[in-house]
Amino acid sequence: MSLKEKLQWLSQSEGQSIPDDLLDQMITNIGSLDSELRDTLNYNLFAEAVTAGNLTLKQQQEVTQRLLRNRFLLTNIDNSQDNESIFKRSFTALFLAALAYRHNNSPFLSQQQERELIKQTISYLQLEHDFRGLTLHGWAHGIAHSADLIDEIINFQSLNHQDIIAFLTAIKNVLHRPFLLTADEPGRLVIPVQHLSHTKLITDEELTEWLTDLNHINADEFDAYGNVSLFMVKLQSLLLITENPDHSLSETVSCIIKNNYQRFGYL
């Protein structure tokens, strides 16, 4: 029976645990070019099992250690000619996000593992060069998936101010790249940024300064302007939905959006 057949059978068995040998195959095929296997079956079944607590503590620890020790998140990231390894990096981000979610609700990672995951995630954002969304092999979507991972990491006990600054700097650099993000990656990046405003590790003044700096774009940087504009609109929408009307960041973002409209002659 092929891995796909095994996972199709497993998907029909609600609440089913995952045997060790099958889990090993799932991790090995985390970046399969078969989108049904990689996304619909492999990732979805893993995430469901992790979040529902259907993996044993030993399985959770061993999978996390394997992903971190072998640096799955950074697989061949220094080779800009490789257009296939993005699937392994991107879906590793999702696997790690599911494990981090589980850890935040039922701790099982050591402080050293938390720190290593933070370090590798920052490196991923700094080094990723493949910003494609939907491809012939299905979703790559590495930036969006890393946003999901960051959103879990910001709840780690070992997270510090320096980590947050590193994340924000990397996010700014991604949005400023000369590549127009077209699969709502800015909308996904908004989520952890908004959640950061609820931590005690960074002030609203620092976030305001970061947002202002983020918006420093030359008029001819059209891709960066498109990315940042969508980010600001999505952030403002989220703030209006989830925060009090007088939230300090809401006023900042509104001013930035208005100034951009005026700058380009739309108002």
C-alpha atoms as a PDB file:
ATOM      1  CA  MET A   1       0.000   0.000   0.000  1.00  0.00           C
ATOM      2  CA  SER A   2       1.405   3.412  -0.993  1.00  0.00           C
ATOM      3  CA  LEU A   3       1.760   6.282   1.465  1.00  0.00           C
ATOM      4  CA  LYS A   4      -1.129   8.088  -0.226  1.00  0.00           C
ATOM      5  CA  GLU A   5      -3.351   5.024   0.169  1.00  0.00           C
ATOM      6  CA  LYS A   6      -2.379   4.668   3.826  1.00  0.00           C
ATOM      7  CA  LEU A   7      -3.211   8.308   4.495  1.00  0.00           C
ATOM      8  CA  GLN A   8      -6.485   8.092   2.585  1.00  0.00           C
ATOM      9  CA  TRP A   9      -7.447   5.161   4.801  1.00  0.00           C
ATOM     10  CA  LEU A  10      -6.363   7.075   7.906  1.00  0.00           C
ATOM     11  CA  SER A  11      -8.424  10.108   6.858  1.00  0.00           C
ATOM     12  CA  GLN A  12     -11.560   7.978   7.053  1.00  0.00           C
ATOM     13  CA  SER A  13     -10.811   6.893  10.638  1.00  0.00           C
ATOM     14  CA  GLU A  14     -11.757   9.707  13.019  1.00  0.00           C
ATOM     15  CA  GLY A  15      -9.499  10.138  16.039  1.00  0.00           C
ATOM     16  CA  GLN A  16      -7.077   7.506  14.774  1.00  0.00           C
ATOM     17  CA  SER A  17      -3.537   7.532  16.197  1.00  0.00           C
ATOM     18  CA  ILE A  18      -0.611   7.508  13.761  1.00  0.00           C
ATOM     19  CA  PRO A  19       1.785   4.530  13.990  1.00  0.00           C
ATOM     20  CA  ASP A  20       5.474   5.409  14.286  1.00  0.00           C
ATOM     21  CA  ASP A  21       6.411   3.929  10.908  1.00  0.00           C
ATOM     22  CA  LEU A  22       3.674   5.880   9.127  1.00  0.00           C
ATOM     23  CA  LEU A  23       4.630   9.077  10.943  1.00  0.00           C
ATOM     24  CA  ASP A  24       8.213   8.577   9.781  1.00  0.00           C
ATOM     25  CA  GLN A  25       7.018   8.321   6.168  1.00  0.00           C
ATOM     26  CA  MET A  26       4.909  11.458   6.589  1.00  0.00           C
ATOM     27  CA  ILE A  27       7.920  13.466   7.748  1.00  0.00           C
ATOM     28  CA  THR A  28      10.093  12.066   4.973  1.00  0.00           C
ATOM     29  CA  ASN A  29       7.496  13.183   2.403  1.00  0.00           C
ATOM     30  CA  ILE A  30       6.741  16.563   3.977  1.00  0.00           C
ATOM     31  CA  GLY A  31       7.753  18.353   0.769  1.00  0.00           C
ATOM     32  CA  SER A  32       6.328  15.944  -1.809  1.00  0.00           C
ATOM     33  CA  LEU A  33       5.587  17.525  -5.176  1.00  0.00           C
ATOM     34  CA  ASP A  34       2.242  15.701  -5.173  1.00  0.00           C
ATOM     35  CA  SER A  35      -0.046  18.426  -3.790  1.00  0.00           C
ATOM     36  CA  GLU A  36      -2.764  15.998  -2.718  1.00  0.00           C
ATOM     37  CA  LEU A  37      -0.260  13.940  -0.759  1.00  0.00           C
ATOM     38  CA  ARG A  38       1.644  16.931   0.653  1.00  0.00           C
ATOM     39  CA  ASP A  39      -1.254  19.216   1.538  1.00  0.00           C
ATOM     40  CA  THR A  40      -4.659  17.525   1.544  1.00  0.00           C
ATOM     41  CA  LEU A  41      -3.482  14.325   3.209  1.00  0.00           C
ATOM     42  CA  ASN A  42      -0.077  14.613   4.849  1.00  0.00           C
ATOM     43  CA  TYR A  43      -0.276  18.061   6.412  1.00  0.00           C
ATOM     44  CA  ASN A  44      -3.985  18.045   7.249  1.00  0.00           C
ATOM     45  CA  LEU A  45      -3.820  14.659   8.958  1.00  0.00           C
ATOM     46  CA  PHE A  46      -0.690  15.630  10.884  1.00  0.00           C
ATOM     47  CA  ALA A  47      -2.172  18.944  12.042  1.00  0.00           C
ATOM     48  CA  GLU A  48      -5.425  17.294  13.082  1.00  0.00           C
ATOM     49  CA  ALA A  49      -3.566  14.616  15.037  1.00  0.00           C
ATOM     50  CA  VAL A  50      -1.274  17.106  16.781  1.00  0.00           C
ATOM     51  CA  THR A  51      -3.924  19.649  17.745  1.00  0.00           C
ATOM     52  CA  ALA A  52      -6.306  16.926  18.934  1.00  0.00           C
ATOM     53  CA  GLY A  53      -3.587  15.349  21.081  1.00  0.00           C
ATOM     54  CA  ASN A  54      -3.571  12.103  19.107  1.00  0.00           C
ATOM     55  CA  LEU A  55       0.224  11.945  18.912  1.00  0.00           C
ATOM     56  CA  THR A  56       2.055  10.557  21.910  1.00  0.00           C
ATOM     57  CA  LEU A  57       4.398  12.829  23.837  1.00  0.00           C
ATOM     58  CA  LYS A  58       7.320  10.791  22.511  1.00  0.00           C
ATOM     59  CA  GLN A  59       6.119  11.249  18.927  1.00  0.00           C
ATOM     60  CA  GLN A  60       5.745  15.002  19.384  1.00  0.00           C
ATOM     61  CA  GLN A  61       9.240  15.280  20.818  1.00  0.00           C
ATOM     62  CA  GLU A  62      10.854  13.044  18.194  1.00  0.00           C
ATOM     63  CA  VAL A  63       9.217  14.791  15.231  1.00  0.00           C
ATOM     64  CA  THR A  64      10.177  18.231  16.557  1.00  0.00           C
ATOM     65  CA  GLN A  65      13.736  17.126  17.202  1.00  0.00           C
ATOM     66  CA  ARG A  66      14.033  15.603  13.736  1.00  0.00           C
ATOM     67  CA  LEU A  67      12.763  18.741  12.021  1.00  0.00           C
ATOM     68  CA  LEU A  68      15.050  21.012  14.041  1.00  0.00           C
ATOM     69  CA  ARG A  69      18.143  18.805  14.017  1.00  0.00           C
ATOM     70  CA  ASN A  70      17.994  18.344  10.232  1.00  0.00           C
ATOM     71  CA  ARG A  71      16.996  21.971   9.647  1.00  0.00           C
ATOM     72  CA  PHE A  72      14.074  21.061   7.389  1.00  0.00           C
ATOM     73  CA  LEU A  73      12.926  24.688   7.481  1.00  0.00           C
ATOM     74  CA  LEU A  74      16.155  25.803   5.791  1.00  0.00           C
ATOM     75  CA  THR A  75      16.480  22.998   3.245  1.00  0.00           C
ATOM     76  CA  ASN A  76      18.606  24.181   0.289  1.00  0.00           C
ATOM     77  CA  ILE A  77      17.531  27.756   0.999  1.00  0.00           C
ATOM     78  CA  ASP A  78      20.841  29.132  -0.287  1.00  0.00           C
ATOM     79  CA  ASN A  79      20.185  27.756  -3.793  1.00  0.00           C
ATOM     80  CA  SER A  80      18.029  30.219  -5.710  1.00  0.00           C
ATOM     81  CA  GLN A  81      17.973  27.893  -8.735  1.00  0.00           C
ATOM     82  CA  ASP A  82      16.143  25.170  -6.806  1.00  0.00           C
ATOM     83  CA  ASN A  83      12.406  25.653  -7.309  1.00  0.00           C
ATOM     84  CA  GLU A  84      11.308  22.449  -5.573  1.00  0.00           C
ATOM     85  CA  SER A  85      12.760  22.641  -2.059  1.00  0.00           C
ATOM     86  CA  ILE A  86      10.335  25.470  -1.202  1.00  0.00           C
ATOM     87  CA  PHE A  87       7.643  22.837  -0.672  1.00  0.00           C
ATOM     88  CA  LYS A  88       9.708  21.126   2.017  1.00  0.00           C
ATOM     89  CA  ARG A  89      10.522  24.432   3.718  1.00  0.00           C
ATOM     90  CA  SER A  90       6.991  25.754   3.482  1.00  0.00           C
ATOM     91  CA  PHE A  91       5.225  22.675   4.779  1.00  0.00           C
ATOM     92  CA  THR A  92       7.830  22.217   7.487  1.00  0.00           C
ATOM     93  CA  ALA A  93       6.697  25.654   8.692  1.00  0.00           C
ATOM     94  CA  LEU A  94       3.130  24.341   8.912  1.00  0.00           C
ATOM     95  CA  PHE A  95       4.174  21.149  10.708  1.00  0.00           C
ATOM     96  CA  LEU A  96       6.178  23.210  13.193  1.00  0.00           C
ATOM     97  CA  ALA A  97       3.263  25.634  13.631  1.00  0.00           C
ATOM     98  CA  ALA A  98       1.016  22.708  14.607  1.00  0.00           C
ATOM     99  CA  LEU A  99       3.636  21.445  17.068  1.00  0.00           C
ATOM    100  CA  ALA A 100       4.128  24.938  18.508  1.00  0.00           C
ATOM    101  CA  TYR A 101       0.358  25.269  18.937  1.00  0.00           C
ATOM    102  CA  ARG A 102       0.348  22.004  20.856  1.00  0.00           C
ATOM    103  CA  HIS A 103       3.298  23.139  22.963  1.00  0.00           C
ATOM    104  CA  ASN A 104       1.539  26.406  23.837  1.00  0.00           C
ATOM    105  CA  ASN A 105      -1.452  24.451  25.092  1.00  0.00           C
ATOM    106  CA  SER A 106       0.360  21.457  26.587  1.00  0.00           C
ATOM    107  CA  PRO A 107       4.094  22.234  26.949  1.00  0.00           C
ATOM    108  CA  PHE A 108       6.563  19.602  25.760  1.00  0.00           C
ATOM    109  CA  LEU A 109       9.454  21.578  24.238  1.00  0.00           C
ATOM    110  CA  SER A 110      12.564  22.393  26.220  1.00  0.00           C
ATOM    111  CA  GLN A 111      13.745  25.999  26.414  1.00  0.00           C
ATOM    112  CA  GLN A 112      16.644  25.016  24.156  1.00  0.00           C
ATOM    113  CA  GLN A 113      14.198  23.699  21.556  1.00  0.00           C
ATOM    114  CA  GLU A 114      12.114  26.861  21.771  1.00  0.00           C
ATOM    115  CA  ARG A 115      15.228  28.941  21.199  1.00  0.00           C
ATOM    116  CA  GLU A 116      16.329  26.785  18.254  1.00  0.00           C
ATOM    117  CA  LEU A 117      12.899  27.038  16.634  1.00  0.00           C
ATOM    118  CA  ILE A 118      12.890  30.815  17.061  1.00  0.00           C
ATOM    119  CA  LYS A 119      16.391  31.032  15.575  1.00  0.00           C
ATOM    120  CA  GLN A 120      15.561  28.882  12.546  1.00  0.00           C
ATOM    121  CA  THR A 121      12.304  30.742  11.861  1.00  0.00           C
ATOM    122  CA  ILE A 122      14.064  34.104  11.883  1.00  0.00           C
ATOM    123  CA  SER A 123      16.715  32.684   9.533  1.00  0.00           C
ATOM    124  CA  TYR A 124      14.005  31.348   7.245  1.00  0.00           C
ATOM    125  CA  LEU A 125      12.360  34.762   6.880  1.00  0.00           C
ATOM    126  CA  GLN A 126      15.730  36.398   6.310  1.00  0.00           C
ATOM    127  CA  LEU A 127      16.860  33.905   3.660  1.00  0.00           C
ATOM    128  CA  GLU A 128      13.756  32.774   1.761  1.00  0.00           C
ATOM    129  CA  HIS A 129      13.895  33.732  -1.910  1.00  0.00           C
ATOM    130  CA  ASP A 130      10.950  31.801  -3.338  1.00  0.00           C
ATOM    131  CA  PHE A 131       7.828  33.899  -2.811  1.00  0.00           C
ATOM    132  CA  ARG A 132       5.482  31.988  -5.111  1.00  0.00           C
ATOM    133  CA  GLY A 133       1.930  31.293  -3.976  1.00  0.00           C
ATOM    134  CA  LEU A 134       0.026  28.804  -6.115  1.00  0.00           C
ATOM    135  CA  THR A 135       2.215  26.776  -8.502  1.00  0.00           C
ATOM    136  CA  LEU A 136       1.865  23.848 -10.884  1.00  0.00           C
ATOM    137  CA  HIS A 137       2.608  21.632  -7.854  1.00  0.00           C
ATOM    138  CA  GLY A 138      -0.030  23.293  -5.680  1.00  0.00           C
ATOM    139  CA  TRP A 139       0.597  25.769  -2.896  1.00  0.00           C
ATOM    140  CA  ALA A 140       4.161  26.825  -2.114  1.00  0.00           C
ATOM    141  CA  HIS A 141       3.106  29.818   0.007  1.00  0.00           C
ATOM    142  CA  GLY A 142       6.208  29.830   2.192  1.00  0.00           C
ATOM    143  CA  ILE A 143       5.769  33.375   3.512  1.00  0.00           C
ATOM    144  CA  ALA A 144       2.149  32.772   4.497  1.00  0.00           C
ATOM    145  CA  HIS A 145       2.997  29.502   6.215  1.00  0.00           C
ATOM    146  CA  SER A 146       5.871  31.104   8.107  1.00  0.00           C
ATOM    147  CA  ALA A 147       3.422  33.762   9.334  1.00  0.00           C
ATOM    148  CA  ASP A 148       1.352  30.977  10.895  1.00  0.00           C
ATOM    149  CA  LEU A 149       4.481  29.668  12.601  1.00  0.00           C
ATOM    150  CA  ILE A 150       5.456  33.112  13.917  1.00  0.00           C
ATOM    151  CA  ASP A 151       1.962  33.550  15.318  1.00  0.00           C
ATOM    152  CA  GLU A 152       2.510  30.485  17.521  1.00  0.00           C
ATOM    153  CA  ILE A 153       6.111  31.340  18.429  1.00  0.00           C
ATOM    154  CA  ILE A 154       5.149  34.722  19.887  1.00  0.00           C
ATOM    155  CA  ASN A 155       3.525  32.813  22.749  1.00  0.00           C
ATOM    156  CA  PHE A 156       6.782  31.067  23.720  1.00  0.00           C
ATOM    157  CA  GLN A 157       8.041  31.772  27.233  1.00  0.00           C
ATOM    158  CA  SER A 158      11.612  32.182  25.989  1.00  0.00           C
ATOM    159  CA  LEU A 159      10.739  34.832  23.374  1.00  0.00           C
ATOM    160  CA  ASN A 160      12.492  38.133  24.046  1.00  0.00           C
ATOM    161  CA  HIS A 161      12.531  41.689  22.740  1.00  0.00           C
ATOM    162  CA  GLN A 162      15.499  41.015  20.461  1.00  0.00           C
ATOM    163  CA  ASP A 163      13.590  38.156  18.808  1.00  0.00           C
ATOM    164  CA  ILE A 164      10.594  40.408  18.147  1.00  0.00           C
ATOM    165  CA  ILE A 165      12.773  43.096  16.570  1.00  0.00           C
ATOM    166  CA  ALA A 166      14.399  40.426  14.389  1.00  0.00           C
ATOM    167  CA  PHE A 167      10.987  39.127  13.274  1.00  0.00           C
ATOM    168  CA  LEU A 168       9.709  42.622  12.490  1.00  0.00           C
ATOM    169  CA  THR A 169      12.864  43.502  10.561  1.00  0.00           C
ATOM    170  CA  ALA A 170      12.600  40.302   8.526  1.00  0.00           C
ATOM    171  CA  ILE A 171       8.894  40.923   7.807  1.00  0.00           C
ATOM    172  CA  LYS A 172       9.695  44.458   6.643  1.00  0.00           C
ATOM    173  CA  ASN A 173      12.406  43.159   4.337  1.00  0.00           C
ATOM    174  CA  VAL A 174      10.038  40.564   2.849  1.00  0.00           C
ATOM    175  CA  LEU A 175       7.396  43.201   2.113  1.00  0.00           C
ATOM    176  CA  HIS A 176      10.022  45.504   0.612  1.00  0.00           C
ATOM    177  CA  ARG A 177      11.344  42.888  -1.814  1.00  0.00           C
ATOM    178  CA  PRO A 178      10.775  43.601  -5.535  1.00  0.00           C
ATOM    179  CA  PHE A 179       8.224  40.794  -5.796  1.00  0.00           C
ATOM    180  CA  LEU A 180       4.494  41.438  -5.740  1.00  0.00           C
ATOM    181  CA  LEU A 181       2.896  39.062  -3.242  1.00  0.00           C
ATOM    182  CA  THR A 182      -0.406  37.964  -4.788  1.00  0.00           C
ATOM    183  CA  ALA A 183      -1.672  35.149  -2.522  1.00  0.00           C
ATOM    184  CA  ASP A 184      -2.600  37.278   0.518  1.00  0.00           C
ATOM    185  CA  GLU A 185       0.761  36.834   2.226  1.00  0.00           C
ATOM    186  CA  PRO A 186       0.579  40.399   3.649  1.00  0.00           C
ATOM    187  CA  GLY A 187      -2.798  39.497   5.146  1.00  0.00           C
ATOM    188  CA  ARG A 188      -1.288  36.481   6.871  1.00  0.00           C
ATOM    189  CA  LEU A 189       1.690  38.482   8.157  1.00  0.00           C
ATOM    190  CA  VAL A 190      -0.710  40.967   9.733  1.00  0.00           C
ATOM    191  CA  ILE A 191      -1.929  38.343  12.230  1.00  0.00           C
ATOM    192  CA  PRO A 192       1.288  37.913  14.265  1.00  0.00           C
ATOM    193  CA  VAL A 193       2.057  41.638  14.061  1.00  0.00           C
ATOM    194  CA  GLN A 194      -1.331  42.480  15.558  1.00  0.00           C
ATOM    195  CA  HIS A 195      -0.889  39.845  18.249  1.00  0.00           C
ATOM    196  CA  LEU A 196       2.513  41.315  19.139  1.00  0.00           C
ATOM    197  CA  SER A 197       0.713  44.438  20.306  1.00  0.00           C
ATOM    198  CA  HIS A 198      -0.705  42.372  23.165  1.00  0.00           C
ATOM    199  CA  THR A 199       2.667  41.208  24.443  1.00  0.00           C
ATOM    200  CA  LYS A 200       4.657  43.079  27.073  1.00  0.00           C
ATOM    201  CA  LEU A 201       7.859  42.652  25.088  1.00  0.00           C
ATOM    202  CA  ILE A 202       7.317  45.552  22.705  1.00  0.00           C
ATOM    203  CA  THR A 203       5.618  48.901  23.162  1.00  0.00           C
ATOM    204  CA  ASP A 204       3.006  50.535  20.955  1.00  0.00           C
ATOM    205  CA  GLU A 205       5.553  53.295  20.344  1.00  0.00           C
ATOM    206  CA  GLU A 206       8.026  50.767  18.935  1.00  0.00           C
ATOM    207  CA  LEU A 207       5.346  49.211  16.718  1.00  0.00           C
ATOM    208  CA  THR A 208       4.324  52.663  15.525  1.00  0.00           C
ATOM    209  CA  GLU A 209       7.948  53.430  14.638  1.00  0.00           C
ATOM    210  CA  TRP A 210       8.185  50.103  12.781  1.00  0.00           C
ATOM    211  CA  LEU A 211       4.998  50.777  10.806  1.00  0.00           C
ATOM    212  CA  THR A 212       6.263  54.228   9.849  1.00  0.00           C
ATOM    213  CA  ASP A 213       9.582  52.760   8.729  1.00  0.00           C
ATOM    214  CA  LEU A 214       7.778  49.999   6.834  1.00  0.00           C
ATOM    215  CA  ASN A 215       5.996  52.657   4.794  1.00  0.00           C
ATOM    216  CA  HIS A 216       9.229  54.360   3.713  1.00  0.00           C
ATOM    217  CA  ILE A 217       9.153  53.300   0.054  1.00  0.00           C
ATOM    218  CA  ASN A 218      10.314  55.118  -3.058  1.00  0.00           C
ATOM    219  CA  ALA A 219       7.581  56.035  -5.523  1.00  0.00           C
ATOM    220  CA  ASP A 220       9.038  53.733  -8.210  1.00  0.00           C
ATOM    221  CA  GLU A 221       9.116  50.640  -5.953  1.00  0.00           C
ATOM    222  CA  PHE A 222       5.762  49.417  -7.208  1.00  0.00           C
ATOM    223  CA  ASP A 223       5.914  45.851  -5.900  1.00  0.00           C
ATOM    224  CA  ALA A 224       6.961  46.949  -2.429  1.00  0.00           C
ATOM    225  CA  TYR A 225       4.285  49.651  -2.427  1.00  0.00           C
ATOM    226  CA  GLY A 226       1.645  47.062  -3.375  1.00  0.00           C
ATOM    227  CA  ASN A 227       2.796  44.701  -0.620  1.00  0.00           C
ATOM    228  CA  VAL A 228       2.926  47.367   2.071  1.00  0.00           C
ATOM    229  CA  SER A 229      -0.370  48.937   1.011  1.00  0.00           C
ATOM    230  CA  LEU A 230      -2.179  45.619   1.269  1.00  0.00           C
ATOM    231  CA  PHE A 231      -0.497  44.957   4.618  1.00  0.00           C
ATOM    232  CA  MET A 232      -1.706  48.312   5.991  1.00  0.00           C
ATOM    233  CA  VAL A 233      -5.267  47.838   4.743  1.00  0.00           C
ATOM    234  CA  LYS A 234      -5.431  44.318   6.173  1.00  0.00           C
ATOM    235  CA  LEU A 235      -3.979  45.490   9.491  1.00  0.00           C
ATOM    236  CA  GLN A 236      -6.461  48.335   9.730  1.00  0.00           C
ATOM    237  CA  SER A 237      -9.351  45.961   9.017  1.00  0.00           C
ATOM    238  CA  LEU A 238      -8.155  43.540  11.681  1.00  0.00           C
ATOM    239  CA  LEU A 239      -7.719  46.317  14.229  1.00  0.00           C
ATOM    240  CA  LEU A 240     -11.228  47.616  13.537  1.00  0.00           C
ATOM    241  CA  ILE A 241     -12.674  44.137  14.017  1.00  0.00           C
ATOM    242  CA  THR A 242     -10.705  43.033  17.071  1.00  0.00           C
ATOM    243  CA  GLU A 243      -9.615  46.142  18.991  1.00  0.00           C
ATOM    244  CA  ASN A 244     -11.205  49.151  20.667  1.00  0.00           C
ATOM    245  CA  PRO A 245     -11.797  52.103  18.331  1.00  0.00           C
ATOM    246  CA  ASP A 246      -9.192  54.189  20.161  1.00  0.00           C
ATOM    247  CA  HIS A 247      -6.391  51.611  19.804  1.00  0.00           C
ATOM    248  CA  SER A 248      -3.166  53.581  19.232  1.00  0.00           C
ATOM    249  CA  LEU A 249      -2.041  51.508  16.250  1.00  0.00           C
ATOM    250  CA  SER A 250      -5.356  52.037  14.482  1.00  0.00           C
ATOM    251  CA  GLU A 251      -4.790  55.780  14.325  1.00  0.00           C
ATOM    252  CA  THR A 252      -1.237  55.285  13.069  1.00  0.00           C
ATOM    253  CA  VAL A 253      -2.298  52.915  10.298  1.00  0.00           C
ATOM    254  CA  SER A 254      -5.179  55.189   9.257  1.00  0.00           C
ATOM    255  CA  CYS A 255      -2.776  58.117   8.925  1.00  0.00           C
ATOM    256  CA  ILE A 256      -0.355  56.031   6.852  1.00  0.00           C
ATOM    257  CA  ILE A 257      -3.107  54.879   4.490  1.00  0.00           C
ATOM    258  CA  LYS A 258      -4.461  58.414   4.101  1.00  0.00           C
ATOM    259  CA  ASN A 259      -0.983  59.847   3.473  1.00  0.00           C
ATOM    260  CA  ASN A 260      -0.313  57.201   0.820  1.00  0.00           C
ATOM    261  CA  TYR A 261      -3.564  58.037  -0.974  1.00  0.00           C
ATOM    262  CA  GLN A 262      -2.629  61.705  -0.917  1.00  0.00           C
ATOM    263  CA  ARG A 263       0.955  61.002  -1.985  1.00  0.00           C
ATOM    264  CA  PHE A 264      -0.155  59.205  -5.137  1.00  0.00           C
ATOM    265  CA  GLY A 265      -2.928  61.657  -5.918  1.00  0.00           C
ATOM    266  CA  TYR A 266      -5.885  59.459  -5.030  1.00  0.00           C
ATOM    267  CA  LEU A 267      -7.232  62.046  -2.583  1.00  0.00           C
END
